[in-house]
Amino acid sequence: MITFLVSLALLIGGYFVYGKFIEKVFKPDDRPTPATVMEDGVDFVPMKTSNIFLIQLLNIAGLGPIFGAILGALWGPVVFLWIVFGTIFAGAVHDYLSGMISLRHNGASISEIVGIYLGKFMKFVMRIFSVVLLVLVGTVFMTGPAELLARLTPDHLNVTFWLIVILIYYFLATLLPIDKLIGRIYPIFGIALIIMAIGIGGGIIFQGYKIPELTLANLHPDKLPIWPLMFITVACGAISGFHATQSPMMARCMKSEKEGRKVFYGAMVAEGVIALIWAAAGVAFYGSTGGLNNALTELGSQASVVYDISFKLLGPIGGVLAMIGVIACPITSGDTAFRSARLTLADWMGKEQRSMKSRLIFAIPLLAIGALLSQIDFNIIWRYFSWSNQTLAMIALWAAAVYLFKNKLPHWIATVPATFMSAVSCTYILQAKEGFKLPITISYPSGIIFALVCLGIFLYTTVFRAHKQK
């Protein structure tokens, strides 16, 4: 219990201490924002800071900090360290910088930002990569909540029905002006999300469940290696490249740069708290990592474990409220995933999005592909999503590092996590079953070498070259 409470305190403290430091490094000012000079009534719409924060939180807090955290808990309380320090020093920094740099570039999508700072080739790669990731996210966040909703209506409505309902909602959310649907219902979903987090966390604490104390031992029942599998599995609960695709959407709605720490850094810290609660609940509710593993096997999925914990911990009414919060997370990330994919393609093709016809040209094929992918095994989609997610985060951080250097700001706040995530992403794809299946004797040193090469390229093309020109 002490480890959990200390972790929670560190997360909250990180927002006020390191978040404030990051803000001072970036130096937000009073310059006009895209929302005030490019307002179009569709995507560039000035909104209140509180609403923007809730939308950002719900955009990024999909199944990652819930499903990913539950799977991450299989390694034991060591996962708390990654959630806490990953959130403070990597995830929240990544979200803040991607959002604020977008603000400085008229709300540009992350692929365009990468092109500006890492070159045309990386812009092309990032365009493809981000659209693929966004479609995968939309698909993952379509099938997950459909299964959860079907569990609440077992006698009447099945998964297929809820998939159709969610797809229709995604279609509307992708097309309509951001303040007409998303801006109005997200505060309601935000309340449900807060109730869920407080309810599950409070239930675990006050009902006497034992949250294990910190140990660095690998407690995974199948002895899967902590490095790099745990860092990929937790995904959105610590750092997520998907967030870099979402932050520009909110950058198009902010009325002041000084809102950035609350919106971007703050929302990621809030997501870290959600991940921490579900990681603790997963291992505490079933008594051990072995008990959690048995529950996942017997119940068949993370969705079923969430359902089991929610109803047994909080009773029928509290369970339904908690489930609504859990369902709201992925749905409110899936809709903006497809919306962000539309915007990314529009930026790529240079097509205006003020007219409905222009939006339909991109929205219809994107949602059709998502519907087809929803028929593929969820676990397969999730594994590829997790890796591509962290790889996108790596690229976004390197772009941010170049931005900071070019603007004569301390680049290490992005360079250090970028180097770390480079090692994570490379090592994982080399040894994963869905990757190259190489032994750790090859994948481990290769991942480290790749990270050092990335760091070396950055230092040579920026710091060393700039020093020579003086």
Protein backbone atom coordinates (compact mmCIF):
# COMPACT_ATOMS: atom_id res chain seq x y z
CA MET A 1 0.00 0.00 0.00
CA ILE A 2 2.84 2.41 0.84
CA THR A 3 4.38 1.94 -2.62
CA PHE A 4 1.06 2.72 -4.27
CA LEU A 5 0.44 5.86 -2.20
CA VAL A 6 3.99 7.12 -2.71
CA SER A 7 3.65 6.50 -6.45
CA LEU A 8 0.40 8.44 -6.52
CA ALA A 9 2.01 11.34 -4.62
CA LEU A 10 5.00 11.35 -7.01
CA LEU A 11 2.74 11.55 -10.04
CA ILE A 12 0.81 14.50 -8.66
CA GLY A 13 3.99 16.18 -7.44
CA GLY A 14 5.57 15.66 -10.86
CA TYR A 15 2.95 17.89 -12.43
CA PHE A 16 3.73 20.77 -10.08
CA VAL A 17 7.51 20.38 -10.02
CA TYR A 18 8.82 18.90 -13.26
CA GLY A 19 5.84 20.10 -15.25
CA LYS A 20 6.55 23.65 -14.11
CA PHE A 21 10.21 23.20 -15.04
CA ILE A 22 9.32 22.01 -18.54
CA GLU A 23 7.02 25.01 -18.93
CA LYS A 24 9.86 27.37 -17.97
CA VAL A 25 12.15 25.67 -20.49
CA PHE A 26 9.68 26.08 -23.35
CA LYS A 27 8.71 29.65 -22.39
CA PRO A 28 5.07 29.96 -23.52
CA ASP A 29 4.09 33.56 -24.29
CA ASP A 30 1.14 35.74 -25.31
CA ARG A 31 1.39 35.36 -29.09
CA PRO A 32 -1.89 34.70 -30.97
CA THR A 33 -2.85 31.03 -31.22
CA PRO A 34 -4.19 29.16 -34.27
CA ALA A 35 -7.67 29.12 -32.72
CA THR A 36 -7.78 32.90 -32.65
CA VAL A 37 -6.28 33.66 -36.08
CA MET A 38 -7.44 30.63 -38.13
CA GLU A 39 -10.90 29.96 -36.72
CA ASP A 40 -12.97 27.95 -39.22
CA GLY A 41 -15.87 26.67 -37.12
CA VAL A 42 -14.86 23.02 -37.69
CA ASP A 43 -11.38 22.17 -36.39
CA PHE A 44 -10.02 25.59 -35.36
CA VAL A 45 -12.49 26.53 -32.64
CA PRO A 46 -11.61 28.52 -29.45
CA MET A 47 -12.76 26.62 -26.35
CA LYS A 48 -12.54 26.91 -22.56
CA THR A 49 -9.42 25.49 -20.92
CA SER A 50 -11.43 23.14 -18.69
CA ASN A 51 -13.20 21.65 -21.70
CA ILE A 52 -9.95 21.35 -23.64
CA PHE A 53 -8.35 19.52 -20.70
CA LEU A 54 -11.24 17.04 -20.50
CA ILE A 55 -11.19 16.47 -24.26
CA GLN A 56 -7.42 15.95 -24.23
CA LEU A 57 -7.67 13.52 -21.31
CA LEU A 58 -10.42 11.52 -22.96
CA ASN A 59 -8.61 11.65 -26.31
CA ILE A 60 -5.48 10.04 -24.87
CA ALA A 61 -6.93 7.85 -22.08
CA GLY A 62 -8.10 4.93 -24.19
CA LEU A 63 -7.66 1.29 -23.32
CA GLY A 64 -3.91 1.71 -22.84
CA PRO A 65 -3.93 2.90 -19.21
CA ILE A 66 -6.53 0.23 -18.37
CA PHE A 67 -5.86 -2.87 -20.47
CA GLY A 68 -2.14 -2.11 -20.79
CA ALA A 69 -1.78 -1.44 -17.06
CA ILE A 70 -3.55 -4.69 -16.17
CA LEU A 71 -1.20 -6.65 -18.42
CA GLY A 72 1.76 -4.66 -17.07
CA ALA A 73 0.77 -5.64 -13.53
CA LEU A 74 1.72 -9.24 -14.40
CA TRP A 75 5.35 -8.21 -13.83
CA GLY A 76 4.50 -7.09 -10.31
CA PRO A 77 4.87 -3.70 -8.57
CA VAL A 78 7.96 -2.90 -10.66
CA VAL A 79 5.39 -1.63 -13.18
CA PHE A 80 4.63 1.26 -10.78
CA LEU A 81 8.13 2.63 -11.43
CA TRP A 82 7.60 2.75 -15.19
CA ILE A 83 4.16 4.33 -14.87
CA VAL A 84 5.41 7.02 -12.49
CA PHE A 85 8.77 7.95 -13.97
CA GLY A 86 7.73 7.22 -17.55
CA THR A 87 4.80 9.58 -17.17
CA ILE A 88 6.71 12.42 -15.50
CA PHE A 89 9.92 12.41 -17.52
CA ALA A 90 8.82 10.95 -20.87
CA GLY A 91 5.08 10.76 -21.53
CA ALA A 92 4.02 14.15 -20.18
CA VAL A 93 7.07 15.85 -21.72
CA HIS A 94 6.26 14.19 -25.06
CA ASP A 95 2.64 15.37 -24.92
CA TYR A 96 3.52 18.90 -23.85
CA LEU A 97 6.18 19.41 -26.49
CA SER A 98 4.15 17.90 -29.34
CA GLY A 99 1.19 20.12 -28.43
CA MET A 100 3.19 23.30 -27.90
CA ILE A 101 5.29 22.90 -31.06
CA SER A 102 2.04 22.38 -32.98
CA LEU A 103 0.79 25.65 -31.48
CA ARG A 104 3.89 27.38 -32.84
CA HIS A 105 3.18 25.93 -36.31
CA ASN A 106 -0.47 26.83 -36.81
CA GLY A 107 -1.82 23.59 -35.33
CA ALA A 108 0.15 21.37 -37.72
CA SER A 109 -0.20 17.61 -37.34
CA ILE A 110 2.71 15.62 -35.93
CA SER A 111 3.77 14.28 -39.35
CA GLU A 112 4.21 17.83 -40.67
CA ILE A 113 6.17 18.83 -37.54
CA VAL A 114 8.47 15.85 -37.99
CA GLY A 115 9.03 16.90 -41.59
CA ILE A 116 10.05 20.40 -40.53
CA TYR A 117 12.65 19.19 -38.01
CA LEU A 118 13.74 15.75 -39.25
CA GLY A 119 13.50 16.20 -43.02
CA LYS A 120 11.29 15.25 -45.97
CA PHE A 121 12.01 11.54 -45.82
CA MET A 122 10.99 11.31 -42.17
CA LYS A 123 7.90 13.39 -42.94
CA PHE A 124 6.84 10.82 -45.54
CA VAL A 125 7.55 7.95 -43.13
CA MET A 126 5.68 9.71 -40.34
CA ARG A 127 2.68 10.45 -42.53
CA ILE A 128 2.29 6.76 -43.37
CA PHE A 129 3.15 5.64 -39.86
CA SER A 130 0.78 8.02 -38.09
CA VAL A 131 -2.20 7.25 -40.34
CA VAL A 132 -1.65 3.51 -39.91
CA LEU A 133 -1.34 3.94 -36.14
CA LEU A 134 -4.48 6.08 -35.97
CA VAL A 135 -6.51 3.51 -37.87
CA LEU A 136 -5.17 0.77 -35.58
CA VAL A 137 -6.07 2.88 -32.54
CA GLY A 138 -9.56 3.50 -33.88
CA THR A 139 -9.99 -0.21 -34.49
CA VAL A 140 -8.67 -1.25 -31.06
CA PHE A 141 -10.89 1.34 -29.40
CA MET A 142 -13.87 0.12 -31.39
CA THR A 143 -13.69 -3.59 -30.57
CA GLY A 144 -12.73 -3.18 -26.90
CA PRO A 145 -15.72 -1.07 -25.81
CA ALA A 146 -18.07 -3.12 -28.01
CA GLU A 147 -17.11 -6.21 -26.03
CA LEU A 148 -17.59 -4.38 -22.73
CA LEU A 149 -21.01 -3.06 -23.77
CA ALA A 150 -22.03 -6.56 -24.85
CA ARG A 151 -21.14 -7.79 -21.36
CA LEU A 152 -23.61 -5.26 -19.92
CA THR A 153 -26.38 -6.39 -22.30
CA PRO A 154 -25.81 -10.17 -22.66
CA ASP A 155 -29.45 -11.09 -23.22
CA HIS A 156 -30.30 -8.52 -25.86
CA LEU A 157 -27.42 -6.86 -27.69
CA ASN A 158 -24.27 -8.58 -28.94
CA VAL A 159 -20.81 -7.35 -29.93
CA THR A 160 -21.76 -6.86 -33.59
CA PHE A 161 -24.63 -4.55 -32.67
CA TRP A 162 -22.41 -2.38 -30.49
CA LEU A 163 -19.70 -2.30 -33.17
CA ILE A 164 -22.23 -0.81 -35.59
CA VAL A 165 -23.42 1.74 -33.01
CA ILE A 166 -19.85 2.79 -32.20
CA LEU A 167 -18.97 3.01 -35.90
CA ILE A 168 -21.93 5.34 -36.52
CA TYR A 169 -20.85 7.52 -33.61
CA TYR A 170 -17.27 7.59 -34.91
CA PHE A 171 -18.55 8.69 -38.31
CA LEU A 172 -20.41 11.64 -36.78
CA ALA A 173 -17.53 12.60 -34.47
CA THR A 174 -15.09 12.54 -37.39
CA LEU A 175 -17.23 14.85 -39.52
CA LEU A 176 -18.99 17.33 -37.23
CA PRO A 177 -17.36 20.52 -35.89
CA ILE A 178 -15.35 19.69 -32.78
CA ASP A 179 -17.51 21.82 -30.48
CA LYS A 180 -20.84 20.36 -31.66
CA LEU A 181 -20.50 16.74 -30.52
CA ILE A 182 -17.12 16.10 -28.90
CA GLY A 183 -17.09 19.42 -27.06
CA ARG A 184 -20.53 18.80 -25.57
CA ILE A 185 -20.45 15.16 -24.48
CA TYR A 186 -16.85 14.85 -23.31
CA PRO A 187 -17.47 16.69 -20.01
CA ILE A 188 -20.13 14.06 -19.20
CA PHE A 189 -17.75 11.24 -20.07
CA GLY A 190 -15.08 13.02 -18.04
CA ILE A 191 -17.25 12.84 -14.92
CA ALA A 192 -17.80 9.12 -15.51
CA LEU A 193 -14.06 8.63 -15.93
CA ILE A 194 -13.30 10.43 -12.67
CA ILE A 195 -15.96 8.39 -10.82
CA MET A 196 -14.44 5.21 -12.22
CA ALA A 197 -10.91 6.08 -11.07
CA ILE A 198 -11.99 7.19 -7.60
CA GLY A 199 -14.32 4.21 -7.20
CA ILE A 200 -11.82 1.53 -8.19
CA GLY A 201 -8.95 3.13 -6.28
CA GLY A 202 -11.05 3.74 -3.19
CA GLY A 203 -12.52 0.24 -3.31
CA ILE A 204 -9.08 -1.36 -3.35
CA ILE A 205 -7.81 0.81 -0.49
CA PHE A 206 -10.81 0.83 1.85
CA GLN A 207 -11.94 -2.75 1.34
CA GLY A 208 -8.65 -4.08 2.62
CA TYR A 209 -7.07 -5.45 -0.54
CA LYS A 210 -3.32 -5.83 -0.27
CA ILE A 211 -1.35 -3.90 -2.85
CA PRO A 212 2.15 -5.42 -2.95
CA GLU A 213 5.14 -3.29 -2.01
CA LEU A 214 7.91 -2.46 -4.43
CA THR A 215 10.29 -5.16 -5.57
CA LEU A 216 12.48 -5.18 -8.66
CA ALA A 217 11.99 -8.93 -9.02
CA ASN A 218 10.31 -10.21 -12.17
CA LEU A 219 7.02 -11.69 -10.91
CA HIS A 220 5.56 -12.50 -14.31
CA PRO A 221 4.02 -16.01 -14.16
CA ASP A 222 5.51 -16.87 -17.57
CA LYS A 223 8.83 -15.15 -16.75
CA LEU A 224 8.58 -12.88 -19.76
CA PRO A 225 11.43 -10.33 -19.62
CA ILE A 226 10.74 -6.92 -18.11
CA TRP A 227 12.93 -5.28 -20.74
CA PRO A 228 11.50 -4.30 -23.15
CA LEU A 229 8.14 -6.12 -22.99
CA MET A 230 6.74 -4.30 -19.96
CA PHE A 231 7.63 -0.91 -21.45
CA ILE A 232 5.72 -1.73 -24.63
CA THR A 233 2.79 -3.48 -22.93
CA VAL A 234 1.82 -0.60 -20.65
CA ALA A 235 1.78 1.68 -23.71
CA CYS A 236 -0.46 4.72 -23.06
CA GLY A 237 -0.08 4.46 -19.29
CA ALA A 238 3.44 5.92 -19.37
CA ILE A 239 4.21 7.28 -22.84
CA SER A 240 2.31 7.07 -26.10
CA GLY A 241 3.05 8.29 -29.60
CA PHE A 242 -0.69 8.30 -30.22
CA HIS A 243 -0.86 11.35 -27.97
CA ALA A 244 1.30 13.28 -30.43
CA THR A 245 -1.48 12.84 -32.99
CA GLN A 246 -4.07 14.15 -30.52
CA SER A 247 -2.28 17.16 -29.05
CA PRO A 248 -2.40 19.16 -32.32
CA MET A 249 -6.21 18.89 -32.32
CA MET A 250 -6.33 20.67 -28.97
CA ALA A 251 -3.62 23.09 -30.10
CA ARG A 252 -6.18 24.25 -32.68
CA CYS A 253 -8.64 25.12 -29.89
CA MET A 254 -6.47 26.83 -27.25
CA LYS A 255 -6.76 30.57 -26.70
CA SER A 256 -3.39 30.94 -24.95
CA GLU A 257 -0.04 29.14 -24.99
CA LYS A 258 0.00 29.40 -21.20
CA GLU A 259 -2.79 26.80 -21.02
CA GLY A 260 -0.33 24.19 -22.30
CA ARG A 261 0.88 22.72 -19.00
CA LYS A 262 -2.66 22.18 -17.76
CA VAL A 263 -3.89 20.70 -21.02
CA PHE A 264 -0.97 18.59 -22.22
CA TYR A 265 1.26 17.80 -19.25
CA GLY A 266 -1.70 17.68 -16.85
CA ALA A 267 -3.79 15.30 -18.97
CA MET A 268 -0.88 12.84 -19.24
CA VAL A 269 -0.36 12.89 -15.47
CA ALA A 270 -4.08 12.20 -15.02
CA GLU A 271 -3.76 9.25 -17.39
CA GLY A 272 -0.77 8.00 -15.40
CA VAL A 273 -2.95 8.05 -12.27
CA ILE A 274 -5.58 5.94 -14.08
CA ALA A 275 -2.91 3.45 -15.15
CA LEU A 276 -1.51 3.28 -11.62
CA ILE A 277 -4.94 2.54 -10.17
CA TRP A 278 -5.68 -0.26 -12.64
CA ALA A 279 -2.23 -1.82 -12.27
CA ALA A 280 -2.72 -1.87 -8.50
CA ALA A 281 -6.28 -3.16 -8.81
CA GLY A 282 -5.28 -5.97 -11.16
CA VAL A 283 -2.68 -7.53 -8.89
CA ALA A 284 -4.39 -6.68 -5.56
CA PHE A 285 -7.87 -7.92 -6.48
CA TYR A 286 -6.63 -11.37 -7.48
CA GLY A 287 -4.04 -11.61 -4.72
CA SER A 288 -0.92 -12.04 -6.85
CA THR A 289 0.41 -11.85 -10.39
CA GLY A 290 -0.36 -15.55 -10.70
CA GLY A 291 -3.96 -14.93 -9.64
CA LEU A 292 -4.27 -12.12 -12.18
CA ASN A 293 -2.81 -14.34 -14.88
CA ASN A 294 -5.30 -17.10 -14.05
CA ALA A 295 -8.16 -14.58 -14.22
CA LEU A 296 -7.03 -13.39 -17.64
CA THR A 297 -6.85 -17.00 -18.84
CA GLU A 298 -10.17 -18.13 -17.35
CA LEU A 299 -12.16 -15.00 -18.18
CA GLY A 300 -10.62 -14.74 -21.61
CA SER A 301 -9.70 -11.06 -21.94
CA GLN A 302 -8.75 -7.84 -20.21
CA ALA A 303 -12.30 -6.59 -20.82
CA SER A 304 -13.70 -9.47 -18.80
CA VAL A 305 -11.24 -8.78 -15.97
CA VAL A 306 -12.32 -5.12 -15.91
CA TYR A 307 -15.95 -6.24 -15.76
CA ASP A 308 -15.19 -8.71 -12.96
CA ILE A 309 -13.27 -6.20 -10.83
CA SER A 310 -15.79 -3.39 -11.33
CA PHE A 311 -18.89 -5.33 -10.30
CA LYS A 312 -17.36 -7.35 -7.48
CA LEU A 313 -15.59 -4.33 -6.04
CA LEU A 314 -18.34 -1.73 -6.34
CA GLY A 315 -21.59 -3.68 -6.62
CA PRO A 316 -24.18 -3.41 -9.43
CA ILE A 317 -24.66 0.37 -9.44
CA GLY A 318 -21.04 1.29 -8.83
CA GLY A 319 -19.99 -1.39 -11.27
CA VAL A 320 -22.13 0.05 -14.05
CA LEU A 321 -20.78 3.55 -13.39
CA ALA A 322 -17.21 2.24 -13.40
CA MET A 323 -17.86 0.32 -16.61
CA ILE A 324 -19.27 3.44 -18.26
CA GLY A 325 -16.07 5.24 -17.34
CA VAL A 326 -13.97 2.41 -18.75
CA ILE A 327 -16.07 2.31 -21.92
CA ALA A 328 -15.90 6.10 -22.31
CA CYS A 329 -12.08 6.02 -22.32
CA PRO A 330 -11.61 4.01 -25.52
CA ILE A 331 -14.63 5.44 -27.35
CA THR A 332 -13.45 8.98 -26.75
CA SER A 333 -10.01 8.06 -28.05
CA GLY A 334 -11.26 6.07 -31.02
CA ASP A 335 -13.42 8.88 -32.36
CA THR A 336 -10.60 11.41 -32.26
CA ALA A 337 -8.19 8.83 -33.72
CA PHE A 338 -10.24 8.74 -36.91
CA ARG A 339 -10.70 12.52 -36.75
CA SER A 340 -6.94 12.99 -36.40
CA ALA A 341 -6.36 10.58 -39.30
CA ARG A 342 -8.66 12.77 -41.41
CA LEU A 343 -6.71 15.88 -40.43
CA THR A 344 -3.35 14.20 -41.07
CA LEU A 345 -4.42 13.16 -44.56
CA ALA A 346 -5.87 16.62 -45.21
CA ASP A 347 -2.59 18.28 -44.17
CA TRP A 348 -0.72 15.80 -46.34
CA MET A 349 -2.87 16.44 -49.43
CA GLY A 350 -3.27 20.16 -48.73
CA LYS A 351 -7.09 19.88 -48.72
CA GLU A 352 -9.28 22.31 -46.79
CA GLN A 353 -11.69 20.76 -44.31
CA ARG A 354 -14.28 23.50 -43.96
CA SER A 355 -16.75 21.83 -46.36
CA MET A 356 -18.59 18.59 -45.55
CA LYS A 357 -17.68 17.12 -48.93
CA SER A 358 -13.96 17.51 -48.25
CA ARG A 359 -14.31 15.78 -44.88
CA LEU A 360 -16.34 12.91 -46.34
CA ILE A 361 -13.64 12.15 -48.92
CA PHE A 362 -11.27 11.14 -46.11
CA ALA A 363 -13.71 9.94 -43.44
CA ILE A 364 -15.55 7.25 -45.40
CA PRO A 365 -12.52 5.15 -46.49
CA LEU A 366 -10.84 5.51 -43.08
CA LEU A 367 -13.88 4.20 -41.20
CA ALA A 368 -14.43 1.44 -43.78
CA ILE A 369 -10.87 0.17 -43.20
CA GLY A 370 -11.43 0.35 -39.44
CA ALA A 371 -14.61 -1.71 -39.76
CA LEU A 372 -12.75 -4.40 -41.71
CA LEU A 373 -9.86 -4.52 -39.25
CA SER A 374 -12.31 -4.91 -36.35
CA GLN A 375 -12.89 -8.49 -37.52
CA ILE A 376 -9.24 -9.44 -36.86
CA ASP A 377 -8.17 -10.96 -33.54
CA PHE A 378 -8.01 -8.12 -31.00
CA ASN A 379 -4.77 -9.37 -29.41
CA ILE A 380 -2.94 -9.25 -32.76
CA ILE A 381 -4.07 -5.67 -33.41
CA TRP A 382 -3.10 -4.69 -29.84
CA ARG A 383 0.48 -6.01 -30.17
CA TYR A 384 1.15 -4.10 -33.38
CA PHE A 385 -0.55 -1.02 -31.95
CA SER A 386 1.65 -1.09 -28.84
CA TRP A 387 4.92 -1.24 -30.77
CA SER A 388 3.96 1.31 -33.43
CA ASN A 389 2.67 3.54 -30.65
CA GLN A 390 6.02 3.66 -28.84
CA THR A 391 7.95 4.02 -32.08
CA LEU A 392 5.91 7.07 -33.00
CA ALA A 393 6.66 8.51 -29.55
CA MET A 394 10.37 7.98 -30.23
CA ILE A 395 10.17 9.90 -33.53
CA ALA A 396 8.10 12.73 -32.00
CA LEU A 397 10.63 13.14 -29.19
CA TRP A 398 13.57 13.37 -31.62
CA ALA A 399 11.70 16.04 -33.58
CA ALA A 400 11.07 17.92 -30.33
CA ALA A 401 14.76 17.65 -29.43
CA VAL A 402 15.72 19.29 -32.74
CA TYR A 403 13.13 22.02 -32.20
CA LEU A 404 14.52 22.78 -28.75
CA PHE A 405 18.10 22.89 -30.01
CA LYS A 406 17.25 25.17 -32.94
CA ASN A 407 15.47 27.52 -30.57
CA LYS A 408 18.45 27.50 -28.16
CA LEU A 409 16.53 25.73 -25.42
CA PRO A 410 17.79 22.80 -23.27
CA HIS A 411 17.25 19.87 -25.63
CA TRP A 412 18.08 17.15 -23.10
CA ILE A 413 14.52 17.14 -21.73
CA ALA A 414 13.56 15.48 -25.04
CA THR A 415 16.90 13.89 -26.01
CA VAL A 416 17.12 11.62 -22.95
CA PRO A 417 13.62 10.07 -23.25
CA ALA A 418 14.03 9.90 -27.05
CA THR A 419 17.21 7.84 -26.65
CA PHE A 420 15.53 5.58 -24.10
CA MET A 421 12.48 5.00 -26.30
CA SER A 422 14.73 4.27 -29.28
CA ALA A 423 16.25 1.38 -27.32
CA VAL A 424 12.81 0.17 -26.23
CA SER A 425 11.27 0.18 -29.71
CA CYS A 426 14.23 -1.40 -31.50
CA THR A 427 14.80 -4.11 -28.89
CA TYR A 428 11.12 -5.07 -28.86
CA ILE A 429 10.61 -5.45 -32.60
CA LEU A 430 13.83 -7.49 -32.88
CA GLN A 431 12.77 -10.07 -30.28
CA ALA A 432 8.95 -10.01 -30.39
CA LYS A 433 6.92 -12.85 -31.90
CA GLU A 434 5.31 -10.39 -34.30
CA GLY A 435 8.78 -9.02 -35.11
CA PHE A 436 12.06 -10.76 -35.99
CA LYS A 437 12.04 -13.32 -33.13
CA LEU A 438 15.72 -12.83 -32.37
CA PRO A 439 17.25 -14.03 -29.06
CA ILE A 440 17.97 -11.48 -26.35
CA THR A 441 21.71 -11.97 -26.87
CA ILE A 442 21.20 -10.17 -30.19
CA SER A 443 18.18 -7.94 -29.54
CA TYR A 444 19.47 -6.38 -26.30
CA PRO A 445 22.82 -5.08 -27.57
CA SER A 446 21.27 -4.20 -30.94
CA GLY A 447 18.67 -2.04 -29.23
CA ILE A 448 21.30 -0.21 -27.23
CA ILE A 449 23.48 0.31 -30.30
CA PHE A 450 20.50 1.65 -32.26
CA ALA A 451 19.71 4.13 -29.49
CA LEU A 452 23.32 5.31 -29.34
CA VAL A 453 23.41 5.68 -33.14
CA CYS A 454 20.24 7.82 -33.02
CA LEU A 455 21.82 9.95 -30.29
CA GLY A 456 25.05 10.22 -32.25
CA ILE A 457 23.23 11.34 -35.41
CA PHE A 458 21.32 13.95 -33.42
CA LEU A 459 24.47 15.30 -31.76
CA TYR A 460 26.42 15.38 -35.02
CA THR A 461 23.72 17.06 -37.10
CA THR A 462 22.86 19.63 -34.45
CA VAL A 463 25.32 20.25 -31.62
CA PHE A 464 28.64 19.39 -33.31
CA ARG A 465 27.75 20.96 -36.65
CA ALA A 466 26.56 24.16 -34.95
CA HIS A 467 29.80 24.27 -32.95
CA LYS A 468 31.90 23.99 -36.13
CA GLN A 469 30.00 26.85 -37.78
CA LYS A 470 30.90 29.27 -34.97
